[in-house]
Amino acid sequence: MSDRFRVTVEHDGETETALFSDGECALSAGDATARFDLGESASDDDGPVVGDDPRRIVDLDAVPSDSTIRFEARGPSHGVDCILRRIDDAVVAWRNSCPHRPEVPLDPGTGAIVRGDDLVCHKHGAQFSGGEGTCTHGPCAGDALDAVAVAVDDDAVYLTDDRFESARVLGQ
């Protein structure tokens, strides 16, 4: 199976969204868990791999400051759609999901809207502060984007978040 699909589980006020492509999968929100078996392994050639390090995401020069690029952070059983954005010489990353409606990606595949220093949800108009990801205006004011830990080393961006094992750029 080469297609990936987004699953959102909502329960008791908690929401969790992830990308799945193969194997036995589970996703939990609150005390609810959805489990399913996709049966067939996904192809490993469905996204660019940069170098030999599975945590290396992309060259620093490829990360825009006026938009975002998507990548998948992969754990043992599922992947999470994420976005990268450059702020000066630093890079920040978040789940590609609006806190107001987690099934709505901030970057639908063409780059997220950036207005000044803020990311803007293309569907609801919520604005998120540049480096922190806190919603400063819109239906989820006060909420924050789910940060994903990354670091810049030797002009490349690496996934450093312990929740995940590897990363790959999406949509390029």
N, C-alpha and C. Protein backbone atom coordinates (compact mmCIF):
# COMPACT_ATOMS: atom_id res chain seq x y z
N MET A 1 0.85 -1.17 0.00
CA MET A 1 0.00 0.00 0.00
C MET A 1 0.90 1.23 0.00
N SER A 2 0.77 2.11 -0.99
CA SER A 2 1.62 3.28 -1.05
C SER A 2 0.91 4.54 -0.60
N ASP A 3 -0.41 4.52 -0.44
CA ASP A 3 -1.15 5.68 0.02
C ASP A 3 -1.08 5.79 1.53
N ARG A 4 -1.05 7.02 1.99
CA ARG A 4 -1.09 7.29 3.42
C ARG A 4 -2.44 7.92 3.70
N PHE A 5 -2.92 7.75 4.90
CA PHE A 5 -4.17 8.39 5.24
C PHE A 5 -4.09 8.97 6.64
N ARG A 6 -4.85 10.04 6.83
CA ARG A 6 -4.87 10.77 8.09
C ARG A 6 -6.03 10.23 8.92
N VAL A 7 -5.75 9.93 10.19
CA VAL A 7 -6.78 9.45 11.12
C VAL A 7 -6.83 10.43 12.28
N THR A 8 -8.04 10.81 12.67
CA THR A 8 -8.23 11.67 13.83
C THR A 8 -9.15 10.95 14.81
N VAL A 9 -8.72 10.85 16.07
CA VAL A 9 -9.54 10.28 17.12
C VAL A 9 -9.82 11.39 18.12
N GLU A 10 -11.11 11.59 18.43
CA GLU A 10 -11.53 12.59 19.41
C GLU A 10 -12.29 11.89 20.52
N HIS A 11 -11.92 12.19 21.77
CA HIS A 11 -12.63 11.59 22.90
C HIS A 11 -12.34 12.40 24.15
N ASP A 12 -13.37 12.69 24.92
CA ASP A 12 -13.25 13.42 26.19
C ASP A 12 -12.45 14.71 26.05
N GLY A 13 -12.66 15.44 24.97
CA GLY A 13 -11.98 16.72 24.78
C GLY A 13 -10.55 16.61 24.29
N GLU A 14 -10.04 15.42 24.09
CA GLU A 14 -8.69 15.24 23.55
C GLU A 14 -8.78 14.83 22.09
N THR A 15 -7.84 15.30 21.29
CA THR A 15 -7.80 14.96 19.87
C THR A 15 -6.39 14.55 19.51
N GLU A 16 -6.26 13.50 18.73
CA GLU A 16 -4.96 13.03 18.24
C GLU A 16 -5.13 12.74 16.76
N THR A 17 -4.19 13.22 15.95
CA THR A 17 -4.21 13.00 14.50
C THR A 17 -2.86 12.43 14.09
N ALA A 18 -2.87 11.45 13.18
CA ALA A 18 -1.62 10.84 12.70
C ALA A 18 -1.82 10.37 11.27
N LEU A 19 -0.68 10.16 10.59
CA LEU A 19 -0.67 9.57 9.26
C LEU A 19 -0.32 8.10 9.39
N PHE A 20 -1.02 7.25 8.65
CA PHE A 20 -0.75 5.83 8.66
C PHE A 20 -0.54 5.35 7.23
N SER A 21 0.29 4.31 7.08
CA SER A 21 0.50 3.77 5.75
C SER A 21 0.63 2.26 5.72
N ASP A 22 0.96 1.62 6.82
CA ASP A 22 1.12 0.18 6.75
C ASP A 22 1.07 -0.45 8.14
N GLY A 23 0.95 -1.77 8.15
CA GLY A 23 1.05 -2.54 9.38
C GLY A 23 -0.15 -2.42 10.29
N GLU A 24 0.05 -2.87 11.51
CA GLU A 24 -0.97 -2.75 12.54
C GLU A 24 -0.80 -1.39 13.19
N CYS A 25 -1.89 -0.65 13.31
CA CYS A 25 -1.81 0.72 13.78
C CYS A 25 -2.77 0.95 14.94
N ALA A 26 -2.41 1.88 15.81
CA ALA A 26 -3.27 2.27 16.91
C ALA A 26 -3.09 3.76 17.15
N LEU A 27 -4.18 4.44 17.49
CA LEU A 27 -4.15 5.86 17.78
C LEU A 27 -5.09 6.10 18.95
N SER A 28 -4.61 6.85 19.96
CA SER A 28 -5.41 7.06 21.17
C SER A 28 -5.65 8.54 21.42
N ALA A 29 -6.81 8.84 21.97
CA ALA A 29 -7.15 10.17 22.47
C ALA A 29 -7.98 9.94 23.73
N GLY A 30 -7.57 10.55 24.83
CA GLY A 30 -8.25 10.28 26.10
C GLY A 30 -8.13 8.80 26.41
N ASP A 31 -9.24 8.16 26.76
CA ASP A 31 -9.18 6.73 27.02
C ASP A 31 -9.74 5.92 25.84
N ALA A 32 -9.86 6.55 24.67
CA ALA A 32 -10.32 5.86 23.46
C ALA A 32 -9.13 5.51 22.58
N THR A 33 -9.12 4.31 22.02
CA THR A 33 -8.07 3.88 21.12
C THR A 33 -8.70 3.25 19.89
N ALA A 34 -8.23 3.66 18.70
CA ALA A 34 -8.65 3.04 17.45
C ALA A 34 -7.50 2.15 16.99
N ARG A 35 -7.79 0.87 16.67
CA ARG A 35 -6.78 -0.07 16.19
C ARG A 35 -7.24 -0.64 14.87
N PHE A 36 -6.30 -0.83 13.93
CA PHE A 36 -6.63 -1.43 12.65
C PHE A 36 -5.38 -2.01 12.03
N ASP A 37 -5.57 -2.88 11.08
CA ASP A 37 -4.47 -3.55 10.39
C ASP A 37 -4.60 -3.27 8.91
N LEU A 38 -3.57 -2.64 8.34
CA LEU A 38 -3.59 -2.30 6.93
C LEU A 38 -3.03 -3.42 6.07
N GLY A 39 -2.41 -4.39 6.68
CA GLY A 39 -2.04 -5.62 6.00
C GLY A 39 -0.87 -5.62 5.07
N GLU A 40 -0.60 -4.57 4.36
CA GLU A 40 0.43 -4.58 3.35
C GLU A 40 1.46 -3.51 3.68
N SER A 41 2.73 -3.78 3.51
CA SER A 41 3.78 -2.82 3.82
C SER A 41 3.82 -1.71 2.79
N ALA A 42 4.11 -0.50 3.27
CA ALA A 42 4.24 0.64 2.37
C ALA A 42 5.60 0.62 1.71
N SER A 43 5.66 1.26 0.59
CA SER A 43 6.92 1.38 -0.15
C SER A 43 7.83 2.35 0.58
N ASP A 44 9.12 2.07 0.59
CA ASP A 44 10.08 2.98 1.21
C ASP A 44 10.52 4.09 0.28
N ASP A 45 10.06 4.08 -0.97
CA ASP A 45 10.51 5.09 -1.91
C ASP A 45 9.45 6.17 -2.15
N ASP A 46 8.57 6.40 -1.17
CA ASP A 46 7.52 7.38 -1.35
C ASP A 46 7.87 8.76 -0.83
N GLY A 47 9.09 9.01 -0.52
CA GLY A 47 9.54 10.34 -0.12
C GLY A 47 11.05 10.38 -0.13
N PRO A 48 11.63 11.56 -0.40
CA PRO A 48 13.07 11.67 -0.47
C PRO A 48 13.74 11.37 0.86
N VAL A 49 14.81 10.65 0.82
CA VAL A 49 15.64 10.39 1.99
C VAL A 49 16.91 11.19 1.80
N VAL A 50 17.30 11.96 2.82
CA VAL A 50 18.47 12.81 2.72
C VAL A 50 19.60 12.18 3.52
N GLY A 51 20.63 11.66 2.82
CA GLY A 51 21.76 11.05 3.49
C GLY A 51 21.42 9.71 4.12
N ASP A 52 22.32 9.24 4.99
CA ASP A 52 22.16 7.95 5.62
C ASP A 52 21.50 8.01 6.99
N ASP A 53 21.39 9.19 7.57
CA ASP A 53 20.81 9.33 8.90
C ASP A 53 19.29 9.42 8.79
N PRO A 54 18.56 8.47 9.37
CA PRO A 54 17.10 8.49 9.25
C PRO A 54 16.44 9.69 9.95
N ARG A 55 17.21 10.40 10.80
CA ARG A 55 16.66 11.57 11.49
C ARG A 55 16.96 12.87 10.74
N ARG A 56 17.78 12.80 9.71
CA ARG A 56 18.06 14.00 8.91
C ARG A 56 16.84 14.27 8.04
N ILE A 57 16.32 15.50 8.13
CA ILE A 57 15.11 15.84 7.39
C ILE A 57 15.45 16.50 6.06
N VAL A 58 16.24 17.57 6.10
CA VAL A 58 16.46 18.36 4.90
C VAL A 58 17.65 19.30 5.14
N ASP A 59 18.24 19.81 4.05
CA ASP A 59 19.27 20.84 4.16
C ASP A 59 18.65 22.12 4.69
N LEU A 60 19.38 22.85 5.51
CA LEU A 60 18.90 24.09 6.10
C LEU A 60 18.45 25.07 5.02
N ASP A 61 19.18 25.17 3.93
CA ASP A 61 18.85 26.12 2.87
C ASP A 61 17.50 25.84 2.21
N ALA A 62 16.97 24.64 2.35
CA ALA A 62 15.69 24.28 1.73
C ALA A 62 14.48 24.70 2.58
N VAL A 63 14.71 25.12 3.82
CA VAL A 63 13.61 25.48 4.71
C VAL A 63 13.29 26.96 4.52
N PRO A 64 12.05 27.26 4.10
CA PRO A 64 11.69 28.66 3.84
C PRO A 64 11.35 29.44 5.11
N SER A 65 11.52 30.76 5.05
CA SER A 65 11.10 31.63 6.15
C SER A 65 9.73 32.23 5.84
N ASP A 66 9.33 32.24 4.58
CA ASP A 66 8.07 32.85 4.18
C ASP A 66 6.97 31.82 3.91
N SER A 67 7.22 30.58 4.28
CA SER A 67 6.25 29.51 4.12
C SER A 67 6.72 28.32 4.97
N THR A 68 6.27 27.12 4.64
CA THR A 68 6.70 25.92 5.36
C THR A 68 6.93 24.79 4.36
N ILE A 69 7.62 23.75 4.83
CA ILE A 69 7.68 22.50 4.08
C ILE A 69 7.18 21.40 5.01
N ARG A 70 6.57 20.40 4.39
CA ARG A 70 6.00 19.28 5.16
C ARG A 70 7.01 18.15 5.26
N PHE A 71 6.96 17.46 6.40
CA PHE A 71 7.73 16.24 6.56
C PHE A 71 6.93 15.29 7.43
N GLU A 72 7.26 14.03 7.35
CA GLU A 72 6.62 13.03 8.19
C GLU A 72 7.60 12.59 9.25
N ALA A 73 7.22 12.71 10.51
CA ALA A 73 7.99 12.17 11.63
C ALA A 73 7.42 10.78 11.89
N ARG A 74 8.26 9.75 11.81
CA ARG A 74 7.76 8.38 11.92
C ARG A 74 8.16 7.75 13.24
N GLY A 75 7.16 7.14 13.89
CA GLY A 75 7.37 6.37 15.11
C GLY A 75 7.28 4.90 14.78
N PRO A 76 7.22 4.05 15.78
CA PRO A 76 7.19 2.61 15.54
C PRO A 76 5.95 2.14 14.78
N SER A 77 4.81 2.80 14.96
CA SER A 77 3.59 2.29 14.33
C SER A 77 2.89 3.28 13.41
N HIS A 78 3.30 4.54 13.41
CA HIS A 78 2.62 5.51 12.56
C HIS A 78 3.49 6.73 12.33
N GLY A 79 3.09 7.51 11.33
CA GLY A 79 3.77 8.76 11.03
C GLY A 79 2.89 9.94 11.38
N VAL A 80 3.51 11.08 11.61
CA VAL A 80 2.80 12.30 11.93
C VAL A 80 3.21 13.35 10.91
N ASP A 81 2.21 13.96 10.27
CA ASP A 81 2.42 15.03 9.30
C ASP A 81 2.88 16.27 10.07
N CYS A 82 4.04 16.82 9.70
CA CYS A 82 4.62 17.96 10.41
C CYS A 82 5.05 19.03 9.41
N ILE A 83 5.34 20.21 9.93
CA ILE A 83 5.84 21.31 9.10
C ILE A 83 7.11 21.90 9.71
N LEU A 84 7.97 22.40 8.83
CA LEU A 84 9.20 23.10 9.22
C LEU A 84 9.11 24.54 8.74
N ARG A 85 9.64 25.45 9.54
CA ARG A 85 9.74 26.84 9.13
C ARG A 85 11.05 27.41 9.66
N ARG A 86 11.70 28.20 8.84
CA ARG A 86 12.96 28.83 9.22
C ARG A 86 12.69 30.21 9.81
N ILE A 87 13.34 30.49 10.94
CA ILE A 87 13.30 31.80 11.55
C ILE A 87 14.74 32.20 11.81
N ASP A 88 15.25 33.10 10.97
CA ASP A 88 16.67 33.49 10.97
C ASP A 88 17.52 32.24 10.73
N ASP A 89 18.43 31.90 11.65
CA ASP A 89 19.26 30.70 11.47
C ASP A 89 18.71 29.49 12.20
N ALA A 90 17.55 29.64 12.83
CA ALA A 90 16.92 28.54 13.55
C ALA A 90 15.78 27.95 12.71
N VAL A 91 15.38 26.74 13.07
CA VAL A 91 14.25 26.08 12.42
C VAL A 91 13.30 25.60 13.51
N VAL A 92 12.01 25.80 13.30
CA VAL A 92 10.99 25.32 14.22
C VAL A 92 10.11 24.32 13.49
N ALA A 93 9.51 23.41 14.25
CA ALA A 93 8.64 22.39 13.65
C ALA A 93 7.44 22.16 14.54
N TRP A 94 6.31 21.87 13.91
CA TRP A 94 5.08 21.55 14.61
C TRP A 94 4.34 20.46 13.84
N ARG A 95 3.38 19.83 14.52
CA ARG A 95 2.44 18.97 13.80
C ARG A 95 1.69 19.86 12.81
N ASN A 96 1.40 19.32 11.66
CA ASN A 96 0.69 20.06 10.62
C ASN A 96 -0.80 19.97 10.89
N SER A 97 -1.23 20.66 11.94
CA SER A 97 -2.60 20.51 12.41
C SER A 97 -3.03 21.75 13.18
N CYS A 98 -4.18 22.31 12.83
CA CYS A 98 -4.72 23.47 13.55
C CYS A 98 -5.37 23.00 14.85
N PRO A 99 -5.05 23.61 16.00
CA PRO A 99 -5.67 23.19 17.25
C PRO A 99 -7.19 23.36 17.26
N HIS A 100 -7.71 24.28 16.49
CA HIS A 100 -9.16 24.51 16.43
C HIS A 100 -9.88 23.33 15.80
N ARG A 101 -9.36 22.82 14.72
CA ARG A 101 -9.88 21.64 14.03
C ARG A 101 -8.67 20.80 13.62
N PRO A 102 -8.26 19.84 14.44
CA PRO A 102 -7.03 19.08 14.19
C PRO A 102 -6.97 18.37 12.84
N GLU A 103 -8.10 18.11 12.21
CA GLU A 103 -8.07 17.47 10.90
C GLU A 103 -7.69 18.45 9.77
N VAL A 104 -7.61 19.74 10.08
CA VAL A 104 -7.24 20.75 9.10
C VAL A 104 -5.75 21.02 9.17
N PRO A 105 -5.01 20.72 8.08
CA PRO A 105 -3.58 21.00 8.08
C PRO A 105 -3.30 22.49 7.88
N LEU A 106 -2.26 23.00 8.52
CA LEU A 106 -1.84 24.38 8.28
C LEU A 106 -1.20 24.50 6.90
N ASP A 107 -0.47 23.47 6.51
CA ASP A 107 0.13 23.40 5.17
C ASP A 107 -0.60 22.31 4.40
N PRO A 108 -1.48 22.70 3.48
CA PRO A 108 -2.24 21.71 2.74
C PRO A 108 -1.43 21.02 1.63
N GLY A 109 -0.16 21.36 1.53
CA GLY A 109 0.70 20.74 0.52
C GLY A 109 1.38 21.76 -0.37
N THR A 110 0.99 23.02 -0.24
CA THR A 110 1.58 24.09 -1.05
C THR A 110 2.31 25.11 -0.20
N GLY A 111 2.50 24.80 1.07
CA GLY A 111 3.12 25.73 2.01
C GLY A 111 2.07 26.44 2.83
N ALA A 112 2.37 26.66 4.09
CA ALA A 112 1.44 27.38 4.98
C ALA A 112 1.51 28.87 4.67
N ILE A 113 0.45 29.56 5.01
CA ILE A 113 0.42 31.01 4.86
C ILE A 113 1.22 31.62 5.99
N VAL A 114 2.13 32.54 5.65
CA VAL A 114 2.91 33.28 6.65
C VAL A 114 2.62 34.76 6.45
N ARG A 115 2.18 35.41 7.51
CA ARG A 115 1.89 36.84 7.46
C ARG A 115 2.74 37.50 8.53
N GLY A 116 3.74 38.27 8.10
CA GLY A 116 4.70 38.83 9.04
C GLY A 116 5.49 37.69 9.65
N ASP A 117 5.44 37.57 10.96
CA ASP A 117 6.11 36.44 11.65
C ASP A 117 5.15 35.30 11.95
N ASP A 118 3.86 35.49 11.68
CA ASP A 118 2.84 34.53 12.10
C ASP A 118 2.48 33.52 11.01
N LEU A 119 2.20 32.28 11.43
CA LEU A 119 1.56 31.28 10.56
C LEU A 119 0.06 31.53 10.62
N VAL A 120 -0.63 31.31 9.51
CA VAL A 120 -2.07 31.56 9.46
C VAL A 120 -2.77 30.31 8.94
N CYS A 121 -3.80 29.88 9.65
CA CYS A 121 -4.61 28.75 9.20
C CYS A 121 -5.41 29.18 7.98
N HIS A 122 -5.24 28.47 6.88
CA HIS A 122 -5.90 28.84 5.63
C HIS A 122 -7.42 28.66 5.70
N LYS A 123 -7.89 27.86 6.63
CA LYS A 123 -9.34 27.58 6.72
C LYS A 123 -10.05 28.49 7.71
N HIS A 124 -9.45 28.74 8.87
CA HIS A 124 -10.13 29.48 9.94
C HIS A 124 -9.54 30.87 10.20
N GLY A 125 -8.36 31.16 9.63
CA GLY A 125 -7.72 32.45 9.84
C GLY A 125 -7.00 32.60 11.16
N ALA A 126 -6.91 31.53 11.95
CA ALA A 126 -6.18 31.60 13.22
C ALA A 126 -4.73 31.97 12.94
N GLN A 127 -4.15 32.80 13.80
CA GLN A 127 -2.76 33.23 13.65
C GLN A 127 -1.93 32.69 14.80
N PHE A 128 -0.76 32.14 14.45
CA PHE A 128 0.13 31.51 15.43
C PHE A 128 1.46 32.23 15.41
N SER A 129 1.93 32.65 16.60
CA SER A 129 3.18 33.40 16.71
C SER A 129 4.35 32.59 16.15
N GLY A 130 5.24 33.30 15.47
CA GLY A 130 6.35 32.71 14.74
C GLY A 130 7.11 31.59 15.42
N GLY A 131 7.82 31.85 16.48
CA GLY A 131 8.65 30.82 17.10
C GLY A 131 7.94 29.95 18.12
N GLU A 132 6.95 30.51 18.80
CA GLU A 132 6.29 29.78 19.87
C GLU A 132 5.13 28.91 19.40
N GLY A 133 4.44 29.34 18.34
CA GLY A 133 3.29 28.59 17.85
C GLY A 133 2.03 28.79 18.66
N THR A 134 1.99 29.84 19.48
CA THR A 134 0.80 30.14 20.27
C THR A 134 -0.20 30.91 19.42
N CYS A 135 -1.48 30.52 19.49
CA CYS A 135 -2.52 31.21 18.73
C CYS A 135 -2.78 32.57 19.37
N THR A 136 -2.53 33.64 18.60
CA THR A 136 -2.70 35.00 19.10
C THR A 136 -4.00 35.63 18.63
N HIS A 137 -4.64 35.00 17.64
CA HIS A 137 -5.90 35.53 17.10
C HIS A 137 -6.66 34.42 16.40
N GLY A 138 -7.95 34.33 16.67
CA GLY A 138 -8.77 33.33 15.99
C GLY A 138 -9.51 32.43 16.95
N PRO A 139 -10.16 31.40 16.42
CA PRO A 139 -11.04 30.55 17.23
C PRO A 139 -10.32 29.70 18.28
N CYS A 140 -9.01 29.60 18.19
CA CYS A 140 -8.28 28.81 19.19
C CYS A 140 -7.29 29.68 19.98
N ALA A 141 -7.61 30.97 20.13
CA ALA A 141 -6.73 31.91 20.84
C ALA A 141 -6.31 31.33 22.19
N GLY A 142 -4.99 31.38 22.42
CA GLY A 142 -4.43 30.86 23.66
C GLY A 142 -3.92 29.43 23.53
N ASP A 143 -4.46 28.66 22.58
CA ASP A 143 -3.94 27.31 22.33
C ASP A 143 -2.62 27.41 21.61
N ALA A 144 -1.89 26.31 21.55
CA ALA A 144 -0.60 26.31 20.87
C ALA A 144 -0.49 25.12 19.93
N LEU A 145 0.31 25.29 18.91
CA LEU A 145 0.62 24.19 18.01
C LEU A 145 1.45 23.16 18.77
N ASP A 146 1.35 21.90 18.39
CA ASP A 146 2.11 20.82 19.01
C ASP A 146 3.53 20.84 18.44
N ALA A 147 4.48 21.27 19.26
CA ALA A 147 5.87 21.39 18.82
C ALA A 147 6.51 20.02 18.61
N VAL A 148 7.37 19.95 17.62
CA VAL A 148 8.16 18.76 17.31
C VAL A 148 9.62 19.21 17.38
N ALA A 149 10.43 18.55 18.18
CA ALA A 149 11.82 18.97 18.40
C ALA A 149 12.68 18.67 17.18
N VAL A 150 13.37 19.71 16.71
CA VAL A 150 14.34 19.60 15.62
C VAL A 150 15.56 20.42 16.00
N ALA A 151 16.67 20.17 15.32
CA ALA A 151 17.90 20.93 15.56
C ALA A 151 18.64 21.10 14.24
N VAL A 152 19.41 22.17 14.17
CA VAL A 152 20.25 22.43 13.00
C VAL A 152 21.67 22.04 13.36
N ASP A 153 22.29 21.24 12.49
CA ASP A 153 23.67 20.82 12.69
C ASP A 153 24.32 20.67 11.32
N ASP A 154 25.48 21.30 11.13
CA ASP A 154 26.20 21.23 9.86
C ASP A 154 25.31 21.54 8.66
N ASP A 155 24.55 22.64 8.76
CA ASP A 155 23.69 23.10 7.66
C ASP A 155 22.62 22.11 7.24
N ALA A 156 22.18 21.26 8.17
CA ALA A 156 21.06 20.34 7.92
C ALA A 156 20.13 20.37 9.13
N VAL A 157 18.87 19.99 8.89
CA VAL A 157 17.87 19.94 9.95
C VAL A 157 17.63 18.49 10.33
N TYR A 158 17.68 18.21 11.63
CA TYR A 158 17.52 16.85 12.15
C TYR A 158 16.33 16.78 13.10
N LEU A 159 15.63 15.68 13.06
CA LEU A 159 14.56 15.37 14.00
C LEU A 159 15.21 14.94 15.31
N THR A 160 14.93 15.63 16.41
CA THR A 160 15.51 15.29 17.71
C THR A 160 14.44 14.87 18.72
N ASP A 161 13.20 14.87 18.30
CA ASP A 161 12.07 14.53 19.17
C ASP A 161 12.09 13.03 19.47
N ASP A 162 12.15 12.67 20.75
CA ASP A 162 12.25 11.27 21.17
C ASP A 162 11.00 10.44 20.86
N ARG A 163 9.90 11.09 20.52
CA ARG A 163 8.68 10.36 20.17
C ARG A 163 8.79 9.67 18.81
N PHE A 164 9.80 10.06 18.02
CA PHE A 164 9.90 9.57 16.65
C PHE A 164 11.28 8.99 16.37
N GLU A 165 11.33 8.10 15.35
CA GLU A 165 12.58 7.41 15.01
C GLU A 165 13.21 7.91 13.72
N SER A 166 12.40 8.43 12.80
CA SER A 166 12.93 8.84 11.51
C SER A 166 12.03 9.91 10.91
N ALA A 167 12.50 10.51 9.82
CA ALA A 167 11.73 11.55 9.15
C ALA A 167 11.97 11.48 7.66
N ARG A 168 10.99 11.99 6.92
CA ARG A 168 11.15 12.13 5.46
C ARG A 168 10.30 13.31 5.01
N VAL A 169 10.83 14.04 4.02
CA VAL A 169 10.11 15.16 3.44
C VAL A 169 8.92 14.64 2.66
N LEU A 170 7.80 15.33 2.73
CA LEU A 170 6.59 14.95 2.00
C LEU A 170 6.35 15.91 0.84
N GLY A 171 5.81 15.39 -0.23
CA GLY A 171 5.33 16.23 -1.32
C GLY A 171 6.38 16.86 -2.19
N GLN A 172 7.59 16.35 -2.21
CA GLN A 172 8.59 16.94 -3.11
C GLN A 172 9.04 15.91 -4.11
